[in-house]
Amino acid sequence: MLSDLNISVHLFEIHITMLLANTFLGMIGGPQIILIIAVVLLLFGGRKIPELMRGLGSGIKEFKNATKEEEEKAQVEESSSKKS
């Protein structure tokens, strides 16, 4: 009987853990975005954020350029292999 009770308690704990995980790891909504923005403002301050965004933007731009170059190289190699 004690074993059945322990199994029931363990299953209940698993159920609660899964509910909490679903709640906190679910879709990001408005309140979560506001919380993230508030934390970023507290950590970096208002003056540092534009600098961070510029760096992020230039990083994304470099990444896009690199992927375009790789795609062009792959197309050139593919077309040269078809001609051979």
N, C-alpha and C. Protein backbone atom coordinates (compact mmCIF):
# COMPACT_ATOMS: atom_id res chain seq x y z
N MET A 1 0.82 -1.18 0.00
CA MET A 1 0.00 0.00 0.00
C MET A 1 0.87 1.26 0.00
N LEU A 2 1.94 1.23 0.76
CA LEU A 2 2.85 2.36 0.80
C LEU A 2 3.52 2.56 -0.55
N SER A 3 3.82 1.46 -1.23
CA SER A 3 4.43 1.53 -2.55
C SER A 3 3.49 2.20 -3.55
N ASP A 4 2.21 1.87 -3.49
CA ASP A 4 1.23 2.50 -4.38
C ASP A 4 1.13 3.99 -4.11
N LEU A 5 1.21 4.38 -2.86
CA LEU A 5 1.16 5.80 -2.50
C LEU A 5 2.38 6.53 -3.03
N ASN A 6 3.57 5.91 -2.92
CA ASN A 6 4.79 6.53 -3.43
C ASN A 6 4.72 6.70 -4.95
N ILE A 7 4.17 5.72 -5.65
CA ILE A 7 4.04 5.81 -7.10
C ILE A 7 3.08 6.93 -7.47
N SER A 8 1.97 7.04 -6.74
CA SER A 8 0.99 8.09 -7.01
C SER A 8 1.59 9.47 -6.79
N VAL A 9 2.35 9.61 -5.71
CA VAL A 9 2.98 10.89 -5.41
C VAL A 9 4.01 11.22 -6.49
N HIS A 10 4.76 10.23 -6.91
CA HIS A 10 5.77 10.45 -7.94
C HIS A 10 5.12 10.86 -9.26
N LEU A 11 4.03 10.19 -9.63
CA LEU A 11 3.32 10.56 -10.86
C LEU A 11 2.75 11.96 -10.76
N PHE A 12 2.25 12.34 -9.60
CA PHE A 12 1.73 13.68 -9.39
C PHE A 12 2.84 14.71 -9.54
N GLU A 13 4.02 14.42 -8.99
CA GLU A 13 5.16 15.33 -9.11
C GLU A 13 5.57 15.49 -10.58
N ILE A 14 5.56 14.41 -11.33
CA ILE A 14 5.90 14.48 -12.75
C ILE A 14 4.88 15.33 -13.49
N HIS A 15 3.61 15.15 -13.17
CA HIS A 15 2.54 15.91 -13.81
C HIS A 15 2.70 17.41 -13.53
N ILE A 16 2.96 17.77 -12.29
CA ILE A 16 3.14 19.17 -11.91
C ILE A 16 4.37 19.75 -12.61
N THR A 17 5.45 18.99 -12.67
CA THR A 17 6.67 19.44 -13.33
C THR A 17 6.44 19.70 -14.80
N MET A 18 5.70 18.82 -15.45
CA MET A 18 5.41 19.01 -16.88
C MET A 18 4.51 20.21 -17.10
N LEU A 19 3.55 20.45 -16.22
CA LEU A 19 2.69 21.62 -16.34
C LEU A 19 3.51 22.91 -16.19
N LEU A 20 4.42 22.92 -15.22
CA LEU A 20 5.27 24.10 -15.02
C LEU A 20 6.19 24.32 -16.21
N ALA A 21 6.76 23.26 -16.74
CA ALA A 21 7.64 23.37 -17.90
C ALA A 21 6.87 23.91 -19.10
N ASN A 22 5.66 23.42 -19.29
CA ASN A 22 4.84 23.89 -20.40
C ASN A 22 4.49 25.36 -20.22
N THR A 23 4.25 25.78 -18.98
CA THR A 23 3.90 27.16 -18.71
C THR A 23 5.08 28.08 -19.00
N PHE A 24 6.26 27.73 -18.52
CA PHE A 24 7.40 28.61 -18.65
C PHE A 24 8.15 28.46 -19.97
N LEU A 25 8.04 27.33 -20.63
CA LEU A 25 8.75 27.12 -21.88
C LEU A 25 7.82 27.15 -23.09
N GLY A 26 6.61 27.62 -22.90
CA GLY A 26 5.65 27.68 -23.98
C GLY A 26 5.94 28.83 -24.91
N MET A 27 4.93 29.27 -25.62
CA MET A 27 5.07 30.36 -26.57
C MET A 27 5.41 31.65 -25.84
N ILE A 28 6.24 32.47 -26.48
CA ILE A 28 6.59 33.77 -25.90
C ILE A 28 5.50 34.75 -26.29
N GLY A 29 4.92 35.38 -25.30
CA GLY A 29 3.84 36.33 -25.55
C GLY A 29 4.26 37.73 -25.13
N GLY A 30 3.29 38.61 -25.06
CA GLY A 30 3.53 40.01 -24.70
C GLY A 30 4.20 40.20 -23.35
N PRO A 31 3.67 39.58 -22.29
CA PRO A 31 4.30 39.78 -20.98
C PRO A 31 5.76 39.30 -20.92
N GLN A 32 6.05 38.21 -21.61
CA GLN A 32 7.43 37.70 -21.62
C GLN A 32 8.36 38.66 -22.35
N ILE A 33 7.88 39.23 -23.46
CA ILE A 33 8.70 40.18 -24.21
C ILE A 33 8.96 41.43 -23.38
N ILE A 34 7.94 41.92 -22.69
CA ILE A 34 8.10 43.09 -21.83
C ILE A 34 9.11 42.80 -20.73
N LEU A 35 9.04 41.62 -20.14
CA LEU A 35 9.99 41.24 -19.10
C LEU A 35 11.42 41.17 -19.65
N ILE A 36 11.58 40.63 -20.83
CA ILE A 36 12.91 40.53 -21.44
C ILE A 36 13.46 41.93 -21.71
N ILE A 37 12.63 42.82 -22.23
CA ILE A 37 13.07 44.19 -22.50
C ILE A 37 13.46 44.89 -21.21
N ALA A 38 12.67 44.71 -20.16
CA ALA A 38 13.00 45.34 -18.87
C ALA A 38 14.33 44.84 -18.34
N VAL A 39 14.58 43.54 -18.45
CA VAL A 39 15.84 42.98 -17.97
C VAL A 39 17.02 43.53 -18.77
N VAL A 40 16.85 43.62 -20.09
CA VAL A 40 17.92 44.17 -20.94
C VAL A 40 18.19 45.61 -20.58
N LEU A 41 17.14 46.40 -20.35
CA LEU A 41 17.34 47.80 -19.95
C LEU A 41 18.06 47.90 -18.62
N LEU A 42 17.71 47.04 -17.70
CA LEU A 42 18.38 47.07 -16.39
C LEU A 42 19.85 46.66 -16.50
N LEU A 43 20.13 45.68 -17.33
CA LEU A 43 21.51 45.19 -17.44
C LEU A 43 22.40 46.16 -18.20
N PHE A 44 21.92 46.71 -19.30
CA PHE A 44 22.79 47.50 -20.18
C PHE A 44 22.55 49.00 -20.09
N GLY A 45 21.41 49.43 -19.65
CA GLY A 45 21.11 50.85 -19.61
C GLY A 45 20.68 51.36 -20.97
N GLY A 46 20.04 52.53 -20.99
CA GLY A 46 19.50 53.09 -22.22
C GLY A 46 20.55 53.53 -23.21
N ARG A 47 21.71 53.95 -22.74
CA ARG A 47 22.75 54.47 -23.64
C ARG A 47 23.47 53.37 -24.40
N LYS A 48 23.57 52.22 -23.81
CA LYS A 48 24.35 51.13 -24.41
C LYS A 48 23.54 50.35 -25.46
N ILE A 49 22.22 50.38 -25.39
CA ILE A 49 21.38 49.56 -26.26
C ILE A 49 21.53 49.92 -27.74
N PRO A 50 21.54 51.21 -28.15
CA PRO A 50 21.74 51.50 -29.58
C PRO A 50 23.06 50.95 -30.11
N GLU A 51 24.09 51.00 -29.29
CA GLU A 51 25.39 50.44 -29.67
C GLU A 51 25.29 48.93 -29.89
N LEU A 52 24.60 48.27 -28.99
CA LEU A 52 24.41 46.82 -29.11
C LEU A 52 23.61 46.47 -30.36
N MET A 53 22.59 47.26 -30.66
CA MET A 53 21.75 46.99 -31.83
C MET A 53 22.53 47.22 -33.13
N ARG A 54 23.40 48.25 -33.14
CA ARG A 54 24.24 48.47 -34.32
C ARG A 54 25.15 47.28 -34.55
N GLY A 55 25.75 46.79 -33.49
CA GLY A 55 26.62 45.63 -33.60
C GLY A 55 25.86 44.40 -34.07
N LEU A 56 24.66 44.21 -33.55
CA LEU A 56 23.83 43.08 -33.96
C LEU A 56 23.45 43.21 -35.43
N GLY A 57 23.07 44.41 -35.85
CA GLY A 57 22.70 44.64 -37.25
C GLY A 57 23.86 44.39 -38.20
N SER A 58 25.05 44.85 -37.83
CA SER A 58 26.20 44.63 -38.71
C SER A 58 26.57 43.14 -38.74
N GLY A 59 26.41 42.46 -37.64
CA GLY A 59 26.68 41.02 -37.61
C GLY A 59 25.72 40.26 -38.51
N ILE A 60 24.45 40.63 -38.48
CA ILE A 60 23.46 39.98 -39.34
C ILE A 60 23.76 40.27 -40.81
N LYS A 61 24.15 41.52 -41.10
CA LYS A 61 24.48 41.89 -42.48
C LYS A 61 25.67 41.09 -42.99
N GLU A 62 26.70 40.94 -42.16
CA GLU A 62 27.87 40.15 -42.56
C GLU A 62 27.50 38.69 -42.79
N PHE A 63 26.63 38.16 -41.94
CA PHE A 63 26.19 36.78 -42.08
C PHE A 63 25.44 36.58 -43.40
N LYS A 64 24.54 37.52 -43.73
CA LYS A 64 23.80 37.42 -44.99
C LYS A 64 24.74 37.50 -46.18
N ASN A 65 25.71 38.41 -46.13
CA ASN A 65 26.67 38.52 -47.23
C ASN A 65 27.47 37.23 -47.39
N ALA A 66 27.89 36.66 -46.28
CA ALA A 66 28.67 35.42 -46.35
C ALA A 66 27.84 34.27 -46.94
N THR A 67 26.57 34.19 -46.55
CA THR A 67 25.73 33.12 -47.10
C THR A 67 25.47 33.33 -48.58
N LYS A 68 25.31 34.60 -49.01
CA LYS A 68 25.13 34.88 -50.44
C LYS A 68 26.37 34.47 -51.22
N GLU A 69 27.54 34.79 -50.69
CA GLU A 69 28.79 34.43 -51.36
C GLU A 69 28.92 32.91 -51.49
N GLU A 70 28.59 32.20 -50.44
CA GLU A 70 28.67 30.74 -50.48
C GLU A 70 27.68 30.16 -51.49
N GLU A 71 26.48 30.72 -51.55
CA GLU A 71 25.49 30.24 -52.52
C GLU A 71 25.96 30.50 -53.94
N GLU A 72 26.55 31.67 -54.16
CA GLU A 72 27.07 31.99 -55.50
C GLU A 72 28.21 31.05 -55.88
N LYS A 73 29.10 30.75 -54.94
CA LYS A 73 30.20 29.82 -55.20
C LYS A 73 29.65 28.44 -55.55
N ALA A 74 28.63 28.02 -54.81
CA ALA A 74 28.05 26.70 -55.05
C ALA A 74 27.39 26.66 -56.43
N GLN A 75 26.73 27.75 -56.83
CA GLN A 75 26.10 27.79 -58.15
C GLN A 75 27.14 27.76 -59.26
N VAL A 76 28.25 28.49 -59.06
CA VAL A 76 29.31 28.52 -60.06
C VAL A 76 29.93 27.13 -60.18
N GLU A 77 30.19 26.49 -59.06
CA GLU A 77 30.76 25.13 -59.09
C GLU A 77 29.80 24.15 -59.75
N GLU A 78 28.53 24.31 -59.46
CA GLU A 78 27.53 23.41 -60.03
C GLU A 78 27.42 23.61 -61.54
N SER A 79 27.43 24.85 -61.97
CA SER A 79 27.33 25.10 -63.42
C SER A 79 28.60 24.67 -64.15
N SER A 80 29.76 24.81 -63.51
CA SER A 80 31.01 24.38 -64.16
C SER A 80 31.09 22.86 -64.20
N SER A 81 30.53 22.17 -63.21
CA SER A 81 30.55 20.71 -63.24
C SER A 81 29.57 20.16 -64.28
N LYS A 82 28.48 20.88 -64.54
CA LYS A 82 27.53 20.46 -65.57
C LYS A 82 28.12 20.63 -66.97
N LYS A 83 28.95 21.66 -67.16
CA LYS A 83 29.55 21.92 -68.47
C LYS A 83 30.63 20.89 -68.78
N SER A 84 31.26 20.35 -67.78
CA SER A 84 32.35 19.39 -68.00
C SER A 84 31.89 18.05 -68.44
